[in-house]
Protein backbone atom coordinates (compact mmCIF):
# COMPACT_ATOMS: atom_id res chain seq x y z
CA UNK A 1 -7.98 14.70 -1.65
CA UNK A 2 -10.32 15.50 -4.55
CA UNK A 3 -10.23 19.19 -3.72
CA UNK A 4 -6.42 19.09 -3.60
CA UNK A 5 -6.28 17.58 -7.09
CA UNK A 6 -8.77 20.08 -8.49
CA UNK A 7 -7.19 23.16 -6.89
CA UNK A 8 -3.61 22.24 -7.78
CA UNK A 9 -4.33 20.45 -11.09
CA UNK A 10 -2.06 17.70 -9.80
CA UNK A 11 -1.58 14.05 -10.70
CA UNK A 12 -2.66 10.95 -8.78
CA UNK A 13 0.99 10.27 -8.00
CA UNK A 14 1.54 13.76 -6.54
CA UNK A 15 -1.65 13.49 -4.45
CA UNK A 16 -0.55 10.10 -3.12
CA UNK A 17 2.81 11.58 -2.13
CA UNK A 18 1.09 14.57 -0.44
CA UNK A 19 -1.29 12.41 1.61
CA UNK A 20 1.26 9.63 2.18
CA UNK A 21 -0.88 6.85 0.70
CA UNK A 22 -0.51 4.62 -2.36
CA UNK A 23 -1.58 5.84 -5.78
CA UNK A 24 -3.82 2.77 -6.03
CA UNK A 25 -5.74 4.01 -3.00
CA UNK A 26 -6.02 7.52 -4.43
CA UNK A 27 -7.27 6.17 -7.74
CA UNK A 28 -9.79 3.81 -6.11
CA UNK A 29 -11.09 6.52 -3.79
CA UNK A 30 -11.54 9.00 -6.63
CA UNK A 31 -12.88 6.71 -9.32
CA UNK A 32 -15.02 4.25 -7.34
CA UNK A 33 -15.93 5.72 -3.97
CA UNK A 34 -16.29 9.44 -4.73
CA UNK A 35 -19.11 9.09 -7.32
CA UNK A 36 -21.34 7.50 -4.69
CA UNK A 37 -20.89 10.45 -2.31
CA UNK A 38 -20.46 13.53 -4.47
CA UNK A 39 -21.11 13.17 -8.20
CA UNK A 40 -20.39 16.84 -9.17
CA UNK A 41 -17.01 16.74 -7.39
CA UNK A 42 -16.24 13.43 -9.09
CA UNK A 43 -16.90 14.96 -12.51
CA UNK A 44 -14.47 17.80 -11.77
CA UNK A 45 -11.77 15.39 -10.61
CA UNK A 46 -12.39 13.18 -13.63
CA UNK A 47 -11.74 16.08 -16.00
CA UNK A 48 -8.41 16.86 -14.28
CA UNK A 49 -7.38 13.20 -14.38
CA UNK A 50 -8.29 12.90 -18.06
CA UNK A 51 -6.24 16.01 -18.82
CA UNK A 52 -3.27 14.50 -16.95
CA UNK A 53 -3.68 11.25 -18.85
CA UNK A 54 -3.61 13.10 -22.16
CA UNK A 55 -0.41 14.90 -21.17
CA UNK A 56 1.52 12.02 -19.62
CA UNK A 57 3.37 11.07 -22.80
CA UNK A 58 4.76 14.60 -22.90
CA UNK A 59 5.91 14.46 -19.28
CA UNK A 60 7.49 11.07 -19.95
CA UNK A 61 9.46 12.50 -22.87
CA UNK A 62 10.69 15.40 -20.76
CA UNK A 63 11.78 13.01 -18.00
CA UNK A 64 13.67 10.86 -20.51
CA UNK A 65 15.42 13.91 -21.95
CA UNK A 66 16.48 15.02 -18.45
CA UNK A 67 17.76 11.53 -17.67
CA UNK A 68 20.01 11.33 -20.70
CA UNK A 69 21.16 14.95 -20.69
CA UNK A 70 22.12 14.69 -17.03
CA UNK A 71 19.86 17.48 -15.79
């Protein structure tokens, strides 16, 4: 799951959809369980997730525009 997020630069929500599990599970696995097993991989995933967090307000604005323009 961590490799999928890193390779595809995807969000927690997209990874949850891909692996058919809840986003809470994805987040818990990546933020709490992964550091205990593979710290370098965790740091890579963390950077992708922080980037996604910084961009989410932009994606939200795009989604709102599509909603009201009927796209």
